[in-house]
Structure formats: structure tokens, C-alpha cells
Protein backbone atom coordinates (compact mmCIF):
# COMPACT_ATOMS: atom_id res chain seq x y z
CA UNK A 1 25.69 167.12 -56.53
CA UNK A 2 29.15 168.00 -55.50
CA UNK A 3 30.41 171.57 -55.65
CA UNK A 4 33.37 172.02 -58.46
CA UNK A 5 36.78 171.48 -57.55
CA UNK A 6 38.73 174.99 -56.68
CA UNK A 7 41.14 176.51 -59.18
CA UNK A 8 44.37 176.22 -57.78
CA UNK A 9 47.37 176.61 -59.00
CA UNK A 10 51.16 175.97 -58.20
CA UNK A 11 53.39 178.39 -58.49
CA UNK A 12 58.02 178.30 -58.08
CA UNK A 13 58.35 181.85 -58.03
CA UNK A 14 62.56 181.91 -59.04
CA UNK A 15 65.36 185.21 -59.67
CA UNK A 16 66.12 183.47 -62.96
CA UNK A 17 62.90 181.63 -64.24
CA UNK A 18 59.82 180.63 -62.76
CA UNK A 19 57.12 177.99 -63.45
CA UNK A 20 53.45 177.44 -63.13
CA UNK A 21 51.51 174.03 -62.23
CA UNK A 22 48.41 172.60 -61.51
CA UNK A 23 47.19 168.96 -60.74
CA UNK A 24 45.73 167.89 -64.48
CA UNK A 25 42.55 165.32 -64.33
CA UNK A 26 44.52 162.67 -64.71
CA UNK A 27 45.91 163.64 -61.34
CA UNK A 28 49.50 164.78 -62.20
CA UNK A 29 51.19 167.94 -61.81
CA UNK A 30 51.38 169.08 -65.08
CA UNK A 31 53.29 172.53 -66.07
CA UNK A 32 51.17 175.34 -67.73
CA UNK A 33 53.56 176.74 -70.91
CA UNK A 34 53.41 180.50 -71.56
CA UNK A 35 52.00 182.57 -74.46
CA UNK A 36 55.36 181.69 -76.51
CA UNK A 37 54.47 178.24 -76.35
CA UNK A 38 57.39 177.20 -72.91
CA UNK A 39 57.16 176.09 -69.55
CA UNK A 40 59.66 177.93 -68.04
CA UNK A 41 59.20 182.13 -68.60
CA UNK A 42 61.98 184.09 -67.16
CA UNK A 43 61.56 186.51 -63.94
CA UNK A 44 61.79 189.89 -66.81
CA UNK A 45 60.16 193.19 -67.36
CA UNK A 46 61.16 195.27 -69.79
CA UNK A 47 60.26 198.27 -71.20
CA UNK A 48 60.83 199.85 -75.03
CA UNK A 49 58.94 202.65 -75.98
CA UNK A 50 55.59 202.42 -75.09
CA UNK A 51 55.32 198.47 -74.72
CA UNK A 52 55.78 196.90 -71.71
CA UNK A 53 57.37 193.33 -71.95
CA UNK A 54 57.30 190.01 -69.18
CA UNK A 55 59.40 186.45 -69.30
CA UNK A 56 60.65 185.36 -72.78
CA UNK A 57 59.65 188.39 -74.57
CA UNK A 58 61.76 191.08 -71.62
CA UNK A 59 63.47 188.45 -72.21
CA UNK A 60 65.05 189.56 -75.70
CA UNK A 61 65.38 192.65 -75.25
CA UNK A 62 68.35 192.09 -73.08
CA UNK A 63 70.73 191.64 -75.96
CA UNK A 64 69.97 195.32 -77.69
CA UNK A 65 67.76 197.58 -74.64
CA UNK A 66 69.22 195.89 -71.44
CA UNK A 67 68.77 199.01 -69.56
CA UNK A 68 65.75 199.25 -70.18
CA UNK A 69 65.71 195.10 -68.88
CA UNK A 70 64.97 194.76 -65.35
CA UNK A 71 66.14 191.24 -63.37
CA UNK A 72 66.78 189.55 -60.21
CA UNK A 73 63.93 191.69 -58.35
CA UNK A 74 62.29 188.77 -56.27
CA UNK A 75 65.93 188.49 -54.56
CA UNK A 76 65.99 191.93 -53.83
CA UNK A 77 61.80 192.37 -52.15
CA UNK A 78 62.29 193.42 -48.20
CA UNK A 79 66.08 194.71 -48.69
CA UNK A 80 67.30 197.39 -48.09
CA UNK A 81 69.45 199.80 -50.99
CA UNK A 82 73.19 198.34 -50.87
CA UNK A 83 75.63 199.16 -53.71
CA UNK A 84 76.19 195.52 -54.21
CA UNK A 85 72.97 195.22 -56.00
CA UNK A 86 74.15 196.28 -58.84
CA UNK A 87 76.81 193.89 -59.40
CA UNK A 88 74.74 191.01 -59.27
CA UNK A 89 73.13 191.36 -62.42
CA UNK A 90 75.83 194.30 -64.31
CA UNK A 91 73.87 195.38 -67.85
CA UNK A 92 70.70 195.70 -66.73
CA UNK A 93 68.42 197.84 -65.41
CA UNK A 94 70.26 200.67 -62.86
CA UNK A 95 69.35 200.51 -59.57
CA UNK A 96 69.16 203.57 -56.61
CA UNK A 97 68.29 204.47 -53.76
CA UNK A 98 65.08 206.43 -52.50
CA UNK A 99 64.26 206.21 -49.28
CA UNK A 100 67.37 204.09 -48.26
CA UNK A 101 65.22 201.24 -50.31
CA UNK A 102 66.43 200.01 -53.53
CA UNK A 103 64.55 201.04 -57.45
CA UNK A 104 65.44 199.94 -60.75
CA UNK A 105 65.44 203.29 -63.22
CA UNK A 106 64.50 202.86 -66.75
CA UNK A 107 62.92 204.86 -69.50
CA UNK A 108 60.16 205.02 -71.16
CA UNK A 109 57.76 206.84 -74.00
CA UNK A 110 54.47 208.25 -74.38
CA UNK A 111 51.68 208.39 -77.08
CA UNK A 112 53.42 211.57 -78.69
CA UNK A 113 57.30 209.71 -77.94
CA UNK A 114 57.88 211.65 -75.08
CA UNK A 115 60.66 210.13 -72.90
CA UNK A 116 60.75 210.06 -69.18
CA UNK A 117 61.94 208.05 -66.29
CA UNK A 118 60.22 205.44 -64.14
CA UNK A 119 61.63 204.24 -60.73
CA UNK A 120 60.11 201.36 -60.08
CA UNK A 121 60.52 199.82 -56.29
CA UNK A 122 60.75 195.86 -56.08
CA UNK A 123 57.62 194.97 -55.10
CA UNK A 124 56.19 196.92 -57.97
CA UNK A 125 57.67 194.87 -59.98
CA UNK A 126 56.73 191.54 -58.68
CA UNK A 127 53.27 192.82 -58.51
CA UNK A 128 53.16 193.66 -62.50
CA UNK A 129 55.34 190.44 -63.26
CA UNK A 130 53.07 188.08 -60.84
CA UNK A 131 49.77 189.78 -62.76
CA UNK A 132 51.13 188.75 -66.01
CA UNK A 133 52.13 184.76 -64.85
CA UNK A 134 48.19 185.20 -63.58
CA UNK A 135 46.36 186.09 -66.79
CA UNK A 136 48.61 183.65 -68.56
CA UNK A 137 47.05 180.49 -65.76
CA UNK A 138 43.84 181.80 -66.53
CA UNK A 139 43.77 182.19 -70.62
CA UNK A 140 45.37 178.53 -70.85
CA UNK A 141 42.32 177.08 -68.53
CA UNK A 142 39.72 179.07 -69.31
CA UNK A 143 38.61 180.25 -65.38
CA UNK A 144 39.78 182.34 -63.29
CA UNK A 145 42.48 181.75 -60.45
CA UNK A 146 40.54 180.82 -57.02
CA UNK A 147 43.96 180.17 -54.95
CA UNK A 148 47.67 179.92 -55.41
CA UNK A 149 50.91 177.53 -53.50
CA UNK A 150 53.98 179.92 -53.82
CA UNK A 151 57.51 178.76 -53.03
CA UNK A 152 60.53 181.01 -51.79
CA UNK A 153 63.89 179.85 -50.85
CA UNK A 154 64.04 178.67 -47.37
CA UNK A 155 66.91 181.02 -46.49
CA UNK A 156 64.01 184.40 -46.91
CA UNK A 157 63.78 186.81 -44.20
CA UNK A 158 60.00 187.16 -42.96
CA UNK A 159 60.09 191.10 -44.01
CA UNK A 160 60.66 189.04 -47.19
CA UNK A 161 57.86 186.63 -46.85
CA UNK A 162 55.59 189.24 -46.23
CA UNK A 163 56.64 191.54 -49.06
CA UNK A 164 55.84 188.25 -51.35
CA UNK A 165 52.63 188.08 -50.08
CA UNK A 166 51.79 192.30 -50.90
CA UNK A 167 52.78 191.61 -54.38
CA UNK A 168 50.64 188.56 -54.90
CA UNK A 169 47.23 189.55 -53.02
CA UNK A 170 48.07 192.92 -55.50
CA UNK A 171 49.05 190.98 -58.47
CA UNK A 172 45.49 189.40 -58.05
CA UNK A 173 46.15 186.38 -57.56
CA UNK A 174 44.99 184.28 -54.05
CA UNK A 175 47.21 183.12 -51.84
CA UNK A 176 47.13 179.68 -50.23
CA UNK A 177 50.09 179.01 -48.82
CA UNK A 178 53.82 180.15 -49.22
CA UNK A 179 56.49 177.12 -48.39
CA UNK A 180 60.13 176.27 -48.88
CA UNK A 181 61.24 175.34 -51.69
CA UNK A 182 63.24 172.34 -50.65
CA UNK A 183 60.13 171.51 -48.40
CA UNK A 184 57.67 171.36 -52.19
CA UNK A 185 60.86 169.32 -53.87
CA UNK A 186 60.82 166.74 -51.71
CA UNK A 187 56.41 166.44 -51.81
CA UNK A 188 57.19 166.15 -55.59
CA UNK A 189 59.40 163.19 -54.88
CA UNK A 190 57.46 161.82 -52.75
CA UNK A 191 59.52 161.80 -50.01
CA UNK A 192 58.71 159.78 -46.92
CA UNK A 193 56.11 158.00 -48.84
CA UNK A 194 56.29 153.72 -49.96
CA UNK A 195 56.08 153.37 -53.63
CA UNK A 196 51.83 153.58 -53.26
CA UNK A 197 52.06 156.78 -52.12
CA UNK A 198 49.66 155.34 -48.71
CA UNK A 199 52.10 155.23 -46.09
CA UNK A 200 54.18 157.69 -44.20
CA UNK A 201 57.74 157.39 -43.40
CA UNK A 202 60.57 158.33 -41.54
CA UNK A 203 63.22 159.89 -44.48
CA UNK A 204 65.89 162.57 -44.49
CA UNK A 205 66.66 164.07 -48.07
CA UNK A 206 69.15 166.58 -48.96
CA UNK A 207 67.56 168.93 -52.41
CA UNK A 208 70.40 170.45 -53.78
CA UNK A 209 68.73 173.27 -56.42
CA UNK A 210 71.18 174.58 -58.34
CA UNK A 211 69.33 177.62 -60.10
CA UNK A 212 69.90 180.43 -62.67
CA UNK A 213 71.46 183.43 -59.87
CA UNK A 214 73.04 180.09 -57.46
CA UNK A 215 72.06 177.25 -55.31
CA UNK A 216 70.37 176.46 -52.52
CA UNK A 217 71.21 172.98 -50.60
CA UNK A 218 68.74 171.82 -48.17
CA UNK A 219 68.23 168.68 -45.68
CA UNK A 220 64.44 167.89 -45.10
CA UNK A 221 63.35 165.43 -42.84
CA UNK A 222 59.93 163.60 -43.22
CA UNK A 223 58.69 162.13 -39.90
CA UNK A 224 55.51 160.50 -40.24
CA UNK A 225 53.99 162.36 -43.28
CA UNK A 226 55.25 166.12 -42.05
CA UNK A 227 58.63 167.93 -43.27
CA UNK A 228 61.05 169.71 -41.51
CA UNK A 229 64.29 171.96 -43.18
CA UNK A 230 67.40 170.79 -40.64
CA UNK A 231 69.64 172.49 -42.36
CA UNK A 232 70.92 174.61 -45.17
CA UNK A 233 73.34 176.63 -47.35
CA UNK A 234 72.82 179.16 -50.05
CA UNK A 235 75.47 180.11 -52.56
CA UNK A 236 75.89 182.18 -55.51
CA UNK A 237 79.12 181.63 -56.08
CA UNK A 238 77.60 178.17 -58.06
CA UNK A 239 74.80 179.03 -60.38
CA UNK A 240 73.05 178.11 -64.14
CA UNK A 241 74.79 181.75 -65.14
CA UNK A 242 78.30 180.57 -63.26
CA UNK A 243 77.80 177.61 -66.43
CA UNK A 244 77.51 180.31 -69.06
CA UNK A 245 80.01 182.25 -67.87
CA UNK A 246 82.03 179.08 -68.58
CA UNK A 247 81.06 178.85 -72.19
CA UNK A 248 81.00 182.49 -73.30
CA UNK A 249 84.50 182.29 -72.29
CA UNK A 250 85.26 179.03 -74.40
CA UNK A 251 82.96 180.17 -77.29
CA UNK A 252 85.35 183.50 -77.01
CA UNK A 253 88.05 182.25 -77.20
CA UNK A 254 86.93 180.09 -80.15
CA UNK A 255 85.80 182.94 -82.55
CA UNK A 256 88.98 184.76 -81.59
CA UNK A 257 90.78 182.71 -82.96
CA UNK A 258 88.92 182.77 -86.13
CA UNK A 259 88.72 186.33 -86.34
CA UNK A 260 90.96 187.82 -84.36
CA UNK A 261 88.19 189.83 -82.47
CA UNK A 262 87.90 189.35 -78.61
CA UNK A 263 84.32 190.22 -77.87
CA UNK A 264 86.15 189.64 -74.23
CA UNK A 265 88.56 192.55 -74.17
CA UNK A 266 86.09 194.54 -76.20
CA UNK A 267 84.15 194.79 -74.20
CA UNK A 268 81.49 194.12 -76.85
CA UNK A 269 78.57 193.88 -74.68
CA UNK A 270 75.63 192.59 -77.15
CA UNK A 271 78.34 190.45 -78.79
CA UNK A 272 78.96 189.00 -75.18
CA UNK A 273 74.91 189.29 -74.03
CA UNK A 274 74.03 187.56 -77.55
CA UNK A 275 76.52 184.42 -76.92
CA UNK A 276 75.35 184.60 -73.24
CA UNK A 277 71.84 183.77 -74.39
CA UNK A 278 73.15 181.26 -77.61
CA UNK A 279 74.80 178.61 -74.65
CA UNK A 280 71.95 178.43 -72.09
CA UNK A 281 71.15 176.23 -75.35
CA UNK A 282 74.38 174.50 -75.22
CA UNK A 283 74.20 174.07 -71.88
CA UNK A 284 71.36 172.48 -72.36
CA UNK A 285 71.42 169.70 -74.54
CA UNK A 286 74.40 168.86 -72.55
CA UNK A 287 72.36 167.25 -70.33
CA UNK A 288 71.37 164.43 -73.08
CA UNK A 289 73.78 164.19 -75.83
CA UNK A 290 77.66 164.07 -75.79
CA UNK A 291 78.43 166.67 -78.34
CA UNK A 292 75.88 170.02 -78.79
CA UNK A 293 76.51 173.10 -80.85
CA UNK A 294 76.38 176.96 -80.21
CA UNK A 295 75.64 179.31 -83.05
CA UNK A 296 75.15 182.91 -82.84
CA UNK A 297 74.04 185.00 -86.48
CA UNK A 298 76.30 187.92 -86.70
CA UNK A 299 78.39 187.86 -83.28
CA UNK A 300 80.89 191.10 -83.82
CA UNK A 301 81.54 192.62 -86.79
CA UNK A 302 78.25 190.99 -89.04
CA UNK A 303 80.31 187.80 -88.31
CA UNK A 304 78.57 184.88 -87.70
CA UNK A 305 80.03 182.50 -85.17
CA UNK A 306 79.02 178.42 -85.30
CA UNK A 307 80.25 176.31 -83.00
CA UNK A 308 79.87 172.56 -80.88
CA UNK A 309 81.63 171.40 -77.99
CA UNK A 310 82.05 167.66 -76.87
CA UNK A 311 81.01 166.75 -73.20
CA UNK A 312 84.41 165.58 -72.53
CA UNK A 313 85.78 169.51 -73.06
CA UNK A 314 82.61 170.62 -71.20
CA UNK A 315 82.94 168.47 -67.59
CA UNK A 316 86.69 169.97 -67.89
CA UNK A 317 86.73 173.94 -68.21
CA UNK A 318 83.37 173.79 -66.01
CA UNK A 319 84.84 171.44 -63.44
CA UNK A 320 86.43 173.94 -61.40
CA UNK A 321 83.24 175.26 -60.48
CA UNK A 322 81.74 173.37 -58.52
CA UNK A 323 83.64 173.16 -55.83
CA UNK A 324 81.87 175.51 -53.52
CA UNK A 325 78.43 173.33 -53.82
CA UNK A 326 80.51 170.56 -52.75
CA UNK A 327 81.83 171.67 -49.74
CA UNK A 328 77.91 173.66 -48.50
CA UNK A 329 76.51 170.08 -49.62
CA UNK A 330 79.21 168.83 -46.58
CA UNK A 331 78.67 171.52 -44.37
CA UNK A 332 74.81 171.52 -44.59
CA UNK A 333 74.99 168.03 -43.74
CA UNK A 334 77.15 168.66 -40.59
CA UNK A 335 75.60 171.47 -39.26
CA UNK A 336 72.46 169.30 -38.90
CA UNK A 337 74.52 166.07 -36.88
CA UNK A 338 74.53 163.77 -39.41
CA UNK A 339 76.71 161.62 -41.67
CA UNK A 340 76.12 161.24 -45.00
CA UNK A 341 74.66 157.63 -44.27
CA UNK A 342 72.18 158.99 -42.79
CA UNK A 343 70.71 160.69 -46.29
CA UNK A 344 68.67 158.45 -47.74
CA UNK A 345 67.55 160.25 -51.32
CA UNK A 346 69.64 163.77 -52.66
CA UNK A 347 67.15 165.14 -54.66
CA UNK A 348 68.11 166.98 -57.56
CA UNK A 349 65.83 169.77 -58.75
CA UNK A 350 67.18 173.35 -60.51
CA UNK A 351 67.58 173.42 -64.42
CA UNK A 352 71.68 173.42 -63.91
CA UNK A 353 71.53 169.84 -61.33
CA UNK A 354 71.31 168.34 -64.90
CA UNK A 355 74.53 168.16 -65.46
CA UNK A 356 76.60 164.47 -65.92
CA UNK A 357 79.28 165.33 -64.46
CA UNK A 358 78.01 167.33 -61.29
CA UNK A 359 75.67 164.78 -61.03
CA UNK A 360 78.93 162.24 -60.45
CA UNK A 361 80.25 164.79 -58.29
CA UNK A 362 77.10 165.58 -55.62
CA UNK A 363 77.01 161.87 -55.69
CA UNK A 364 81.17 160.87 -55.02
CA UNK A 365 80.37 162.26 -51.50
CA UNK A 366 77.78 159.20 -50.41
CA UNK A 367 77.55 155.91 -50.04
CA UNK A 368 75.90 153.61 -52.39
CA UNK A 369 73.35 153.50 -49.29
CA UNK A 370 71.73 157.23 -50.65
CA UNK A 371 70.07 157.15 -53.75
CA UNK A 372 70.43 160.37 -55.74
CA UNK A 373 67.52 160.98 -57.76
CA UNK A 374 66.24 163.14 -61.24
CA UNK A 375 63.38 161.27 -61.32
CA UNK A 376 60.15 163.99 -60.77
CA UNK A 377 60.35 164.78 -64.60
CA UNK A 378 62.03 167.75 -66.07
CA UNK A 379 64.23 169.29 -62.66
CA UNK A 380 63.76 172.85 -63.33
CA UNK A 381 59.49 172.49 -63.15
CA UNK A 382 60.19 169.70 -59.51
CA UNK A 383 59.27 172.81 -57.41
CA UNK A 384 56.10 173.21 -59.03
CA UNK A 385 54.37 170.60 -59.36
CA UNK A 386 55.24 169.97 -55.87
CA UNK A 387 53.44 173.26 -55.26
CA UNK A 388 50.70 172.12 -57.22
CA UNK A 389 50.44 169.21 -54.88
CA UNK A 390 50.59 170.62 -51.78
CA UNK A 391 47.87 173.13 -53.33
CA UNK A 392 45.48 169.70 -54.29
CA UNK A 393 46.05 168.86 -50.97
CA UNK A 394 44.56 171.82 -49.40
CA UNK A 395 41.98 171.66 -52.02
CA UNK A 396 40.86 168.04 -51.75
CA UNK A 397 40.46 169.12 -47.67
CA UNK A 398 43.45 167.01 -47.21
CA UNK A 399 45.81 169.56 -45.54
CA UNK A 400 44.19 172.89 -44.06
CA UNK A 401 44.81 175.81 -45.53
CA UNK A 402 47.00 178.28 -43.55
CA UNK A 403 45.06 181.33 -41.73
CA UNK A 404 47.47 183.40 -42.31
CA UNK A 405 49.41 182.51 -45.77
CA UNK A 406 51.84 184.49 -45.29
CA UNK A 407 53.10 183.50 -42.19
CA UNK A 408 52.84 179.85 -42.89
CA UNK A 409 56.01 179.29 -44.48
CA UNK A 410 57.58 180.55 -40.40
CA UNK A 411 55.56 177.97 -38.88
CA UNK A 412 57.82 175.96 -36.81
CA UNK A 413 56.94 172.69 -34.34
CA UNK A 414 59.92 171.47 -31.88
CA UNK A 415 61.59 168.63 -32.53
CA UNK A 416 63.68 166.00 -31.86
CA UNK A 417 67.11 167.52 -30.89
CA UNK A 418 68.72 163.41 -30.75
CA UNK A 419 67.04 159.62 -31.42
CA UNK A 420 65.74 158.10 -29.41
CA UNK A 421 65.79 154.17 -29.24
CA UNK A 422 66.93 150.80 -28.03
CA UNK A 423 70.67 150.11 -26.75
CA UNK A 424 70.82 146.93 -27.91
CA UNK A 425 75.07 147.06 -27.47
CA UNK A 426 77.57 149.55 -26.55
CA UNK A 427 77.93 150.17 -30.20
CA UNK A 428 74.88 150.04 -31.83
CA UNK A 429 71.06 151.54 -31.11
CA UNK A 430 67.83 151.00 -33.28
CA UNK A 431 66.24 154.16 -33.25
CA UNK A 432 62.28 153.73 -32.94
CA UNK A 433 61.95 157.87 -33.14
CA UNK A 434 64.65 159.47 -35.21
CA UNK A 435 65.96 162.85 -34.60
CA UNK A 436 64.15 165.97 -35.82
CA UNK A 437 60.03 164.08 -35.59
CA UNK A 438 58.50 166.52 -35.09
CA UNK A 439 56.31 166.29 -31.38
CA UNK A 440 54.24 165.02 -30.08
CA UNK A 441 55.15 161.57 -31.78
CA UNK A 442 54.42 158.13 -30.97
CA UNK A 443 56.28 155.09 -32.03
CA UNK A 444 56.49 150.98 -32.02
CA UNK A 445 58.90 148.40 -32.34
CA UNK A 446 57.80 144.40 -31.80
CA UNK A 447 60.79 142.62 -30.72
CA UNK A 448 60.74 139.03 -30.49
CA UNK A 449 61.95 136.64 -27.50
CA UNK A 450 63.39 133.33 -27.78
CA UNK A 451 61.79 130.09 -27.25
CA UNK A 452 61.03 129.36 -22.55
CA UNK A 453 62.94 133.22 -21.36
CA UNK A 454 60.99 134.50 -18.87
CA UNK A 455 61.92 138.36 -18.70
CA UNK A 456 62.25 140.89 -21.25
CA UNK A 457 64.15 143.24 -20.90
CA UNK A 458 64.40 147.10 -22.63
CA UNK A 459 67.21 149.44 -22.91
CA UNK A 460 66.32 153.27 -23.79
CA UNK A 461 68.96 155.09 -24.91
CA UNK A 462 69.48 158.25 -26.59
CA UNK A 463 71.85 158.11 -29.57
CA UNK A 464 74.35 159.73 -31.67
CA UNK A 465 75.82 159.09 -34.97
CA UNK A 466 78.50 156.99 -36.15
CA UNK A 467 81.08 158.75 -37.28
CA UNK A 468 82.45 157.19 -40.70
CA UNK A 469 84.77 154.45 -40.64
CA UNK A 470 88.72 155.82 -41.94
CA UNK A 471 90.06 154.25 -45.06
CA UNK A 472 93.10 151.90 -43.72
CA UNK A 473 93.69 148.30 -45.81
CA UNK A 474 91.91 145.44 -43.90
CA UNK A 475 91.90 141.44 -44.70
CA UNK A 476 88.56 140.67 -47.42
CA UNK A 477 86.03 138.71 -45.07
CA UNK A 478 83.88 136.14 -46.59
CA UNK A 479 80.45 138.50 -47.04
CA UNK A 480 78.48 136.26 -44.53
CA UNK A 481 80.79 137.48 -42.10
CA UNK A 482 80.28 141.31 -43.19
CA UNK A 483 77.53 143.01 -40.80
CA UNK A 484 76.47 146.40 -41.80
CA UNK A 485 77.28 149.09 -40.04
CA UNK A 486 74.87 150.78 -37.36
CA UNK A 487 73.42 154.44 -37.69
CA UNK A 488 73.15 155.06 -34.46
CA UNK A 489 75.43 154.40 -31.09
CA UNK A 490 73.65 155.02 -27.57
CA UNK A 491 75.20 158.13 -26.05
CA UNK A 492 73.38 158.08 -23.18
CA UNK A 493 71.31 155.23 -21.50
CA UNK A 494 67.92 157.03 -20.17
CA UNK A 495 66.31 153.86 -18.41
CA UNK A 496 66.28 150.29 -17.85
CA UNK A 497 62.73 147.98 -17.65
CA UNK A 498 62.44 144.40 -17.12
CA UNK A 499 59.02 142.59 -17.96
CA UNK A 500 58.31 139.89 -16.13
CA UNK A 501 56.26 137.16 -18.67
CA UNK A 502 55.23 133.68 -18.67
CA UNK A 503 57.62 131.44 -20.89
CA UNK A 504 57.89 132.58 -24.01
CA UNK A 505 56.88 130.39 -27.56
CA UNK A 506 57.74 131.41 -30.78
CA UNK A 507 55.11 133.70 -31.28
CA UNK A 508 55.83 135.77 -28.31
CA UNK A 509 55.76 139.46 -28.58
CA UNK A 510 56.80 142.96 -26.81
CA UNK A 511 55.20 145.75 -28.40
CA UNK A 512 58.00 148.98 -27.43
CA UNK A 513 56.26 152.22 -27.88
CA UNK A 514 57.87 155.67 -27.45
CA UNK A 515 56.35 158.63 -27.27
CA UNK A 516 57.26 161.90 -26.47
CA UNK A 517 54.92 164.97 -25.42
CA UNK A 518 55.63 168.88 -26.33
CA UNK A 519 56.76 169.03 -22.71
CA UNK A 520 59.70 167.00 -23.99
CA UNK A 521 58.60 163.88 -21.48
CA UNK A 522 59.80 160.20 -22.74
CA UNK A 523 57.17 157.12 -22.06
CA UNK A 524 58.71 153.93 -22.60
CA UNK A 525 55.84 151.17 -22.13
CA UNK A 526 56.47 147.60 -22.77
CA UNK A 527 53.19 145.15 -23.14
CA UNK A 528 52.46 141.21 -24.34
CA UNK A 529 49.62 141.51 -26.11
CA UNK A 530 49.02 138.31 -25.20
CA UNK A 531 49.25 138.09 -21.37
CA UNK A 532 48.72 141.73 -21.11
CA UNK A 533 51.14 142.71 -18.84
CA UNK A 534 53.07 145.60 -18.88
CA UNK A 535 55.48 147.99 -17.83
CA UNK A 536 56.05 151.23 -17.81
CA UNK A 537 58.72 154.44 -17.72
CA UNK A 538 58.76 158.41 -17.82
CA UNK A 539 61.79 159.85 -18.28
CA UNK A 540 61.92 163.73 -18.45
CA UNK A 541 63.68 165.49 -20.87
């Protein structure tokens, strides 16, 4: 009798919202609903009187009790105090320095109604929040959580990762592994696998995660079923909150025209908070509908607000804010030494990436051969689902759980700095081992020979990306004469080999194997299987 499977979850611990997922009986990722029936649990903790609130209930406190509402604590883990911290989320609980580290300062009451000051470090807030998430999952599933794979930003420092691991332990949430968010997204999208999810294939994906408080761009190379982040960029200039601010300004202007009340200039913080919560739903609706309402009861001076906006108008007023994100995408690709043509997939995740105009702006950066994808489920649930997939693989023994979960996301392997392959001509290289392939690595290709040929010539070379052609006016060629531009061209000839053969026929194939060990020495072997003839070259790197 086989043992019952372990109860493992995947957790996307976001700075704005968090999501819990499991793999259900149908072997699909399923997101756990919280006590309010919502799939996203706001990463908020709030205090009011004797009560402590978490998630959605804490977020509701923000309208009338902002000074005792804590948000943004995840990104402060493992960081020293800075005056800039209070500027990141104005209006929330105040952050002060204590022994050089940040603490949130809130007011609470005891049973006698006496008010006291409570000072909580980001670690302490995270522990309280994670404990609530664990309880949510256990109540939903009806059993104890025995392990979790948790996703964090790729730019988190080792100190921040250790802080998250410590908070998980203190919250009673057994940590299996920390993974980077872009890798979790790539897992959920099935990057590097064919349609049957069986054969691992080389692939390069750009993960664009537009979250509530910032955006992360990461170039992920999938080589032989292994993932490595080869470049990343983070910007706080484009986020769901910034898009919300654009809508807040628009509807505040409409309210002012209707009632002659300017809630922005009058510093009516409560009215602004109410409107900000309302526009979140408006923005979400516009991702699937051409028009969306915005309604706020008693916005200011007892007056209600009811308005609408269409997608065209929304695209016009929000279009200017996307620039920094597009620049970060271009920079991440360039930093990794790639061109847009070498990116196979653009993977969208994060709630704000639903915006259709933003998706089209991103697509314009790439050729038609690059597929822009948003087909892995709800975009703000993709990362949690990828963590659940990884947790299931650990549970099945397909992937070994790291001995030290806190350091698992820091494990690095040597990778190829340049593609290696067969030089076909002075301008074309067929890559056998792609750039950023983890070492050791081995790949083979089979080459057909013309009938009657008695020698197989093999030219081994390093490659470099072929730069995109500059736009220029050219006469149109007939379709059958147009050749696809190669992705790589030879940059350095490494070896030339000649395999002597009996006379080749139409079935003759020469198998060429490339192997690079951890010492980075390249061994190339050319073999004709029928005759058994073979030749080998060893090339130190």
C-alpha cells in the first residue's frame, strides 16, 4: 500500500498580493480561495483597536485607518532603514529606524481600551502574514501543510532570501524551495517542452511581470529542461499602482467638473483612497471589455460618483507610463547578448499585464517569430501555479528537494558564454549547443551527405548573434527566393575535421556530437554508424 501523497503548496509571496496554489486531482494547478472567496490575498496587515486583520480585511482598513495599515513589508525584509521607505507607500503605517533597521509603528488597544504603540519589524509582520496564509490553506484543504515552494523576485539578495526562509520557519510553513519568480512563470507556461510536455527543448523566454508595486523583466534560458535567468531588470516606474494613479487623476477630474470639488488638491486623503480602490476594478474590467464603470459611494462631502471610461480613452491617458518598461525590456535583452529575434516567447504575468494596449506595445518590440503569450491562466496566478508544479515534482521525487531551501535559489552553474555549432558558410552557423546552456552539456545533430561523396567536412565554430537588418528600401523578391535570416553567424573557427568514408548513398548520415564538460573543454565527435568510422577533436576553452 503506497503512502499518501504529501500536502505541498506553491506560494507567490507578492509585495502587493499573494497567491496560494496546489496541484489538484486532475493534475492541474488550482488556486486556493481565501476566507473572502478571493484568489488573491492582499499582502496587508492592519490593526484596529484590539483586532488584527490580514489580507482583504486589512486592505479595507486602509480607507479609514491607513495609519495602522501595513503594506510593502516583503520588499523591506533584510534591508537597513532608509528615509525613502516612507515615500514608497505614502499614507500607510509610519516606518521608523530601530538599531538601524526599519520598524512599522502602529497603535493598538488592550481589553481595557488603553492605547499603546506597537513596533513591528518587516520580519515580524511577514511571520504574522505567512501564518495566516498557512491557516487559510489548511482550512481550505482540511489537512496540514507539509511543504511549500515559494517564489521571490530574482533581484532579492541572499540576506532577503534567508529572511524569508526564517519567516516561513517561524510561521510554521515548511519550506521546500525558494525559486525565482520568472523561473516559476516559465515552468507554468511549459517553456522548453513540446505540446505533450515530454521532450525538453532549447528555448529563450522573456518574462514580463507587471505587478502592483513594480515590474520585473527577466530573460530565461531553458536548456535540456533546466532553467537559468541570464539577465533581469527591475523598475518601479511601471506598476499596477501607477496605472491606477492615472485613472484616479482622470476620474477625480470628472468629479471636479461635476461638483466643483478637487479631491486631489484639497488633500482629501480618504476620498483618494476610496477612489483608488474603485479604479482597481475598473482597470481589470477594461482588460476584457471596451467600457468600464467606476462608482464610489460618498466620495466627498456626501456626494456619490458614477462614471465610465472606454478602452480607447484609457489607452490614450495611460500610454505614456509604459515607456520605462519597454526600455527595461530592451536593456535586459541587450545585457544578455541577445537580439529580439532570438527570444522565442514573451511570457506575461502580473495583473497589470492584462492591459491590451500594453501587450501590443510589448509585441511591437519583437519580430513575428516571437510569440507573446498570456495563455497560462489568470496572469496574477501564473507564478503561484508554477510553484505548485515545482512542489508536485518534488513530491513525486522527479525533482530532488534542495538540502538548504533558503540557499536553493542562489545555486548557480557554469553556462556557455557563446553558442557552439557547425559553420555552414561565412555568414551562417547552425548552433548545436546554445548560449547559456548549463554545463556539462552534450548534444548531437545528424548531417546527410550527397550520394557519391567520400569525405565529410566538419567546421566547428563559436557564434554570435546576427544583428537585425536596418530598414532600407529594397525591391520585393519572389517568395521562393527569400531566405530566412540566420540567428547566428560564425565569430571564431575552432576546428576543422575531415571524416574519410566509403562512397555515400542517399541513406548515409554522419552524427556529430558536441560535449562540453565543467572544465569547459569542447569535444566534437563525428561518426558514420554503418561503417563505424569516427573522428574526434578536443578543443580547450
